Amino acid sequence: MKAFPYASDPITVTQDMCDHNKHMNVTYYYKMFDSSYTSMYIDELGFTDEYMKSGFSTFTLEDNIRYLKEFRLGENVYPSFYLNNVNNKMLHFIGILLNEQGDLSAIFETVLGHIDMNARRMTHFSDDRLQFILNYKNSNKIEEDLPFEAKLKIKDL
């Protein structure tokens, strides 16, 4: 399988990432996904400290991880992500972990809600922010069909 548009550097599985089954513990799958898409979220989508200081943030509403193939000590993991969908209040990201042979080894989906931190409630993106996110999504879309079904969905605009 081909990596998604936002690809992180490979990560090598270390001894401390392995569990009693001598493969990467599920905690590290989540950590890899979280650190990879957080970089995309900040660097590409502009959810910087300045944005947070403006009184807005996002909260995770739902996550889904599918474990398809194990990773063992010393193997390289190749994380990548893309923004699958966006609406007035939510973002839906899909990430994958590929092994050294390019095999799909894990799938991650997350839905984030845009939050007004003063009210601590979900709120609409500003028109400018929404347009920026839509432009990013459209310039980084995947042309081919996914080789798996997305489990999480958000309403389209």
Foldseek 3Di string as FASTA:
>chain_A
DDFAPQKDDKDADAPVQADPVQFGDPVVVVVVQVVRVVCCCCVVLPQHPVVVVVQKDKDWDDKDKDFAATHHHGWIKIKHKAFPADDFFKTKMKMFIATPVRDTGMIMIIMITMARNVVRDGDGDPPVSVVSVVVRRVVRDDDDDDPDDDPDDDDHD
